[in-house]
N, C-alpha and C. Protein backbone atom coordinates (compact mmCIF):
# COMPACT_ATOMS: atom_id res chain seq x y z
N MET A 1 8.46 -0.74 5.85
CA MET A 1 7.58 0.39 5.85
C MET A 1 8.37 1.70 5.85
N ASP A 2 9.60 1.64 6.38
CA ASP A 2 10.42 2.85 6.37
C ASP A 2 10.69 3.31 4.94
N ALA A 3 10.87 2.36 4.02
CA ALA A 3 11.12 2.74 2.63
C ALA A 3 9.91 3.48 2.05
N TYR A 4 8.71 3.03 2.39
CA TYR A 4 7.51 3.74 1.93
C TYR A 4 7.48 5.15 2.51
N ARG A 5 7.80 5.26 3.79
CA ARG A 5 7.82 6.58 4.44
C ARG A 5 8.85 7.49 3.78
N ASP A 6 10.04 6.94 3.58
CA ASP A 6 11.14 7.75 3.06
C ASP A 6 10.92 8.17 1.60
N GLN A 7 10.14 7.39 0.86
CA GLN A 7 9.89 7.71 -0.55
C GLN A 7 8.45 8.19 -0.79
N TYR A 8 7.73 8.47 0.29
CA TYR A 8 6.31 8.80 0.18
C TYR A 8 6.05 9.96 -0.78
N ALA A 9 6.79 11.04 -0.62
CA ALA A 9 6.55 12.23 -1.46
C ALA A 9 6.72 11.90 -2.93
N LYS A 10 7.78 11.19 -3.26
CA LYS A 10 8.06 10.90 -4.67
C LYS A 10 7.22 9.74 -5.19
N LEU A 11 7.26 8.62 -4.51
CA LEU A 11 6.62 7.40 -5.00
C LEU A 11 5.10 7.48 -4.96
N PHE A 12 4.56 8.07 -3.89
CA PHE A 12 3.11 8.13 -3.70
C PHE A 12 2.55 9.53 -3.94
N ASN A 13 3.30 10.34 -4.68
CA ASN A 13 2.82 11.66 -5.09
C ASN A 13 2.39 12.50 -3.88
N ASN A 14 3.06 12.26 -2.77
CA ASN A 14 2.78 12.96 -1.50
C ASN A 14 1.30 12.87 -1.11
N GLY A 15 0.65 11.79 -1.53
CA GLY A 15 -0.74 11.57 -1.19
C GLY A 15 -1.74 12.25 -2.10
N ASP A 16 -1.26 12.98 -3.11
CA ASP A 16 -2.16 13.65 -4.06
C ASP A 16 -2.64 12.63 -5.09
N HIS A 17 -3.92 12.34 -5.11
CA HIS A 17 -4.54 11.33 -5.98
C HIS A 17 -4.10 9.91 -5.64
N VAL A 18 -3.45 9.73 -4.49
CA VAL A 18 -2.98 8.41 -4.07
C VAL A 18 -3.30 8.24 -2.59
N THR A 19 -3.89 7.11 -2.25
CA THR A 19 -4.11 6.78 -0.84
C THR A 19 -3.33 5.51 -0.53
N LEU A 20 -2.44 5.59 0.41
CA LEU A 20 -1.65 4.43 0.82
C LEU A 20 -2.22 3.92 2.13
N LEU A 21 -2.62 2.66 2.14
CA LEU A 21 -3.11 2.00 3.35
C LEU A 21 -2.27 0.76 3.59
N ALA A 22 -1.78 0.62 4.79
CA ALA A 22 -1.03 -0.57 5.18
C ALA A 22 -1.95 -1.41 6.05
N ILE A 23 -2.16 -2.66 5.66
CA ILE A 23 -3.07 -3.54 6.40
C ILE A 23 -2.26 -4.66 7.03
N SER A 24 -2.45 -4.85 8.33
CA SER A 24 -1.69 -5.82 9.09
C SER A 24 -2.61 -6.58 10.05
N VAL A 25 -2.20 -7.77 10.42
CA VAL A 25 -2.96 -8.53 11.42
C VAL A 25 -2.64 -8.06 12.84
N ASP A 26 -1.69 -7.15 12.99
CA ASP A 26 -1.32 -6.64 14.30
C ASP A 26 -2.47 -5.86 14.94
N PRO A 27 -2.54 -5.84 16.27
CA PRO A 27 -3.61 -5.09 16.96
C PRO A 27 -3.52 -3.58 16.68
N VAL A 28 -4.66 -2.93 16.68
CA VAL A 28 -4.74 -1.51 16.35
C VAL A 28 -3.84 -0.66 17.25
N ASN A 29 -3.78 -0.94 18.54
CA ASN A 29 -2.95 -0.14 19.45
C ASN A 29 -1.47 -0.25 19.10
N ALA A 30 -1.02 -1.45 18.76
CA ALA A 30 0.38 -1.65 18.38
C ALA A 30 0.69 -0.92 17.08
N LEU A 31 -0.21 -1.00 16.11
CA LEU A 31 0.00 -0.31 14.84
C LEU A 31 0.04 1.20 15.03
N ALA A 32 -0.89 1.73 15.82
CA ALA A 32 -0.95 3.17 16.06
C ALA A 32 0.33 3.67 16.73
N SER A 33 0.81 2.94 17.72
CA SER A 33 2.03 3.32 18.42
C SER A 33 3.23 3.29 17.48
N TRP A 34 3.33 2.22 16.70
CA TRP A 34 4.44 2.06 15.77
C TRP A 34 4.42 3.17 14.71
N ALA A 35 3.24 3.44 14.16
CA ALA A 35 3.10 4.47 13.12
C ALA A 35 3.50 5.84 13.66
N LYS A 36 3.10 6.13 14.89
CA LYS A 36 3.43 7.41 15.50
C LYS A 36 4.94 7.51 15.77
N ASP A 37 5.52 6.45 16.34
CA ASP A 37 6.95 6.45 16.66
C ASP A 37 7.81 6.61 15.41
N ARG A 38 7.41 5.97 14.31
CA ARG A 38 8.20 5.97 13.07
C ARG A 38 7.81 7.11 12.13
N LYS A 39 6.80 7.90 12.55
CA LYS A 39 6.35 9.07 11.78
C LYS A 39 5.94 8.71 10.35
N TYR A 40 5.10 7.70 10.23
CA TYR A 40 4.59 7.30 8.92
C TYR A 40 3.49 8.27 8.48
N PRO A 41 3.56 8.76 7.23
CA PRO A 41 2.57 9.73 6.75
C PRO A 41 1.34 9.08 6.11
N PHE A 42 1.10 7.82 6.40
CA PHE A 42 -0.03 7.10 5.82
C PHE A 42 -0.71 6.29 6.91
N ARG A 43 -1.85 5.75 6.58
CA ARG A 43 -2.67 5.04 7.57
C ARG A 43 -2.38 3.54 7.62
N PHE A 44 -2.54 3.02 8.83
CA PHE A 44 -2.45 1.58 9.05
C PHE A 44 -3.83 1.08 9.43
N LEU A 45 -4.21 -0.05 8.91
CA LEU A 45 -5.47 -0.68 9.24
C LEU A 45 -5.20 -2.02 9.89
N SER A 46 -5.91 -2.31 10.96
CA SER A 46 -5.75 -3.56 11.68
C SER A 46 -6.76 -4.59 11.17
N ASP A 47 -6.26 -5.75 10.82
CA ASP A 47 -7.07 -6.87 10.30
C ASP A 47 -6.70 -8.12 11.12
N PRO A 48 -7.06 -8.12 12.43
CA PRO A 48 -6.56 -9.15 13.34
C PRO A 48 -6.91 -10.59 12.95
N GLY A 49 -7.99 -10.81 12.28
CA GLY A 49 -8.33 -12.18 11.87
C GLY A 49 -7.86 -12.52 10.47
N GLY A 50 -7.26 -11.55 9.79
CA GLY A 50 -6.77 -11.78 8.45
C GLY A 50 -7.86 -11.84 7.39
N ALA A 51 -9.04 -11.30 7.68
CA ALA A 51 -10.17 -11.37 6.74
C ALA A 51 -9.85 -10.69 5.40
N VAL A 52 -9.23 -9.52 5.46
CA VAL A 52 -8.89 -8.81 4.22
C VAL A 52 -7.82 -9.58 3.47
N GLY A 53 -6.81 -10.03 4.18
CA GLY A 53 -5.76 -10.82 3.56
C GLY A 53 -6.29 -12.08 2.90
N LYS A 54 -7.25 -12.71 3.54
CA LYS A 54 -7.86 -13.92 2.96
C LYS A 54 -8.62 -13.58 1.69
N GLN A 55 -9.35 -12.46 1.70
CA GLN A 55 -10.11 -12.06 0.51
C GLN A 55 -9.20 -11.78 -0.67
N TYR A 56 -8.02 -11.24 -0.40
CA TYR A 56 -7.09 -10.92 -1.47
C TYR A 56 -6.09 -12.05 -1.74
N GLY A 57 -6.22 -13.14 -1.02
CA GLY A 57 -5.37 -14.30 -1.25
C GLY A 57 -3.93 -14.15 -0.79
N VAL A 58 -3.70 -13.29 0.22
CA VAL A 58 -2.33 -13.07 0.69
C VAL A 58 -2.12 -13.48 2.15
N PHE A 59 -3.14 -14.04 2.76
CA PHE A 59 -3.02 -14.48 4.16
C PHE A 59 -2.28 -15.80 4.22
N ASP A 60 -1.27 -15.88 5.07
CA ASP A 60 -0.49 -17.10 5.26
C ASP A 60 -0.95 -17.76 6.56
N PRO A 61 -1.74 -18.84 6.45
CA PRO A 61 -2.28 -19.46 7.66
C PRO A 61 -1.21 -20.06 8.57
N GLU A 62 -0.10 -20.47 8.00
CA GLU A 62 0.98 -21.06 8.82
C GLU A 62 1.54 -20.04 9.80
N TYR A 63 1.74 -18.80 9.33
CA TYR A 63 2.31 -17.76 10.17
C TYR A 63 1.27 -16.78 10.71
N GLN A 64 0.00 -16.97 10.30
CA GLN A 64 -1.10 -16.11 10.74
C GLN A 64 -0.82 -14.64 10.45
N MET A 65 -0.35 -14.38 9.24
CA MET A 65 -0.09 -13.00 8.83
C MET A 65 -0.26 -12.87 7.33
N ASN A 66 -0.35 -11.63 6.87
CA ASN A 66 -0.46 -11.35 5.44
C ASN A 66 0.94 -11.26 4.83
N ASN A 67 1.07 -11.74 3.59
CA ASN A 67 2.30 -11.52 2.85
C ASN A 67 2.36 -10.05 2.47
N ARG A 68 3.55 -9.54 2.28
CA ARG A 68 3.70 -8.13 1.89
C ARG A 68 3.38 -8.01 0.41
N THR A 69 2.16 -7.65 0.13
CA THR A 69 1.70 -7.51 -1.24
C THR A 69 1.22 -6.08 -1.45
N VAL A 70 1.54 -5.53 -2.61
CA VAL A 70 1.16 -4.16 -2.94
C VAL A 70 0.17 -4.20 -4.09
N TYR A 71 -0.91 -3.44 -3.93
CA TYR A 71 -1.93 -3.31 -4.97
C TYR A 71 -2.08 -1.86 -5.34
N VAL A 72 -2.30 -1.60 -6.61
CA VAL A 72 -2.75 -0.29 -7.06
C VAL A 72 -4.18 -0.52 -7.51
N ILE A 73 -5.08 0.22 -6.90
CA ILE A 73 -6.50 0.05 -7.17
C ILE A 73 -7.03 1.36 -7.75
N ALA A 74 -7.64 1.26 -8.92
CA ALA A 74 -8.19 2.43 -9.60
C ALA A 74 -9.40 2.95 -8.85
N PRO A 75 -9.78 4.19 -9.08
CA PRO A 75 -10.93 4.77 -8.38
C PRO A 75 -12.21 3.93 -8.44
N GLY A 76 -12.44 3.20 -9.50
CA GLY A 76 -13.63 2.35 -9.61
C GLY A 76 -13.52 1.05 -8.84
N GLY A 77 -12.36 0.78 -8.21
CA GLY A 77 -12.18 -0.42 -7.42
C GLY A 77 -11.46 -1.55 -8.13
N LYS A 78 -11.09 -1.35 -9.39
CA LYS A 78 -10.40 -2.38 -10.15
C LYS A 78 -8.91 -2.42 -9.78
N ILE A 79 -8.39 -3.61 -9.50
CA ILE A 79 -6.96 -3.77 -9.24
C ILE A 79 -6.23 -3.67 -10.57
N THR A 80 -5.32 -2.70 -10.67
CA THR A 80 -4.59 -2.49 -11.91
C THR A 80 -3.13 -2.92 -11.81
N TYR A 81 -2.69 -3.26 -10.59
CA TYR A 81 -1.31 -3.71 -10.38
C TYR A 81 -1.29 -4.49 -9.07
N ALA A 82 -0.59 -5.61 -9.07
CA ALA A 82 -0.40 -6.39 -7.85
C ALA A 82 0.96 -7.05 -7.90
N ALA A 83 1.67 -7.03 -6.78
CA ALA A 83 2.97 -7.68 -6.71
C ALA A 83 3.32 -7.97 -5.27
N GLU A 84 3.94 -9.13 -5.04
CA GLU A 84 4.52 -9.38 -3.72
C GLU A 84 5.75 -8.50 -3.67
N PHE A 85 5.74 -7.54 -2.78
CA PHE A 85 6.74 -6.48 -2.81
C PHE A 85 8.05 -6.92 -2.17
N GLN A 86 9.12 -6.66 -2.89
CA GLN A 86 10.48 -6.94 -2.42
C GLN A 86 11.16 -5.61 -2.10
N GLU A 87 11.14 -5.24 -0.84
CA GLU A 87 11.61 -3.92 -0.41
C GLU A 87 13.06 -3.64 -0.79
N VAL A 88 13.90 -4.66 -0.88
CA VAL A 88 15.31 -4.45 -1.18
C VAL A 88 15.62 -4.40 -2.68
N ASP A 89 14.62 -4.65 -3.52
CA ASP A 89 14.82 -4.67 -4.96
C ASP A 89 14.44 -3.31 -5.56
N PRO A 90 15.42 -2.56 -6.07
CA PRO A 90 15.12 -1.25 -6.66
C PRO A 90 14.12 -1.33 -7.80
N GLN A 91 14.09 -2.42 -8.55
CA GLN A 91 13.14 -2.57 -9.66
C GLN A 91 11.70 -2.60 -9.15
N ALA A 92 11.50 -3.07 -7.93
CA ALA A 92 10.15 -3.10 -7.36
C ALA A 92 9.59 -1.69 -7.26
N TYR A 93 10.42 -0.73 -6.90
CA TYR A 93 9.98 0.66 -6.78
C TYR A 93 9.71 1.27 -8.15
N VAL A 94 10.52 0.89 -9.14
CA VAL A 94 10.32 1.39 -10.50
C VAL A 94 8.96 0.89 -11.02
N ALA A 95 8.69 -0.40 -10.83
CA ALA A 95 7.42 -0.97 -11.31
C ALA A 95 6.23 -0.37 -10.57
N LEU A 96 6.33 -0.25 -9.26
CA LEU A 96 5.24 0.33 -8.48
C LEU A 96 5.03 1.79 -8.85
N GLY A 97 6.11 2.54 -8.96
CA GLY A 97 6.00 3.95 -9.33
C GLY A 97 5.35 4.13 -10.69
N GLY A 98 5.70 3.27 -11.63
CA GLY A 98 5.09 3.33 -12.96
C GLY A 98 3.60 3.06 -12.90
N ALA A 99 3.21 2.06 -12.11
CA ALA A 99 1.78 1.73 -11.97
C ALA A 99 1.01 2.88 -11.34
N ILE A 100 1.60 3.52 -10.35
CA ILE A 100 0.95 4.66 -9.70
C ILE A 100 0.87 5.84 -10.67
N ASP A 101 1.95 6.11 -11.37
CA ASP A 101 1.95 7.22 -12.34
C ASP A 101 0.87 7.02 -13.40
N ARG A 102 0.70 5.79 -13.87
CA ARG A 102 -0.34 5.52 -14.87
C ARG A 102 -1.72 5.81 -14.31
N LYS A 103 -1.97 5.43 -13.06
CA LYS A 103 -3.28 5.69 -12.46
C LYS A 103 -3.47 7.17 -12.17
N ILE A 104 -2.43 7.86 -11.75
CA ILE A 104 -2.54 9.30 -11.52
C ILE A 104 -2.84 10.00 -12.84
N GLY A 105 -2.16 9.58 -13.89
CA GLY A 105 -2.42 10.14 -15.22
C GLY A 105 -3.85 9.90 -15.65
N ASP A 106 -4.36 8.68 -15.40
CA ASP A 106 -5.76 8.37 -15.72
C ASP A 106 -6.69 9.26 -14.91
N THR A 107 -6.39 9.42 -13.63
CA THR A 107 -7.23 10.22 -12.74
C THR A 107 -7.18 11.69 -13.15
N SER A 108 -5.96 12.18 -13.40
CA SER A 108 -5.82 13.59 -13.76
C SER A 108 -6.53 13.89 -15.07
N SER A 109 -6.38 13.00 -16.04
CA SER A 109 -6.99 13.27 -17.34
C SER A 109 -8.52 13.21 -17.26
N SER A 110 -9.03 12.44 -16.31
CA SER A 110 -10.49 12.35 -16.21
C SER A 110 -11.08 13.62 -15.61
N HIS A 111 -10.22 14.45 -14.97
CA HIS A 111 -10.72 15.69 -14.38
C HIS A 111 -10.58 16.88 -15.33
N LYS A 112 -9.94 16.66 -16.48
CA LYS A 112 -9.78 17.77 -17.42
C LYS A 112 -11.08 18.01 -18.17
N PRO A 113 -11.38 19.30 -18.46
CA PRO A 113 -12.62 19.60 -19.20
C PRO A 113 -12.56 19.11 -20.63
C-alpha cells in the first residue's frame, strides 16, 4: 500500500476523476489506525466476512483474506481492467497507469461540449 501512497499523485491522478478504495477483511478500527499512521491519501473499506472479495472472485478461503487484485471500474460500473497486482513489478504500474489514463481520457472527453 505504501507504493500506492507514494505514487498516488502520478498514478491515480491525485484523485482527480479517480477514486482509489482499498478493501480488506481487516477490522475497521485496525484499518483506520493503519491508514492514519501511514498517511494514506485514499480510503480503506472493511469487508470482515469477505463478501466483496467473494463477489469479485478474489477471496481465498484457506487464508480468509482477499488476494491483492486491482480493478479499474468505469463510471457506469463496468470493469475495464483487472489484474492480480504484483507490487514489485514495474510493468504492473505501467499497465495500471495506462488503464487509468484511458478511463480518465474517456471521462474527460465525455465532459467536453
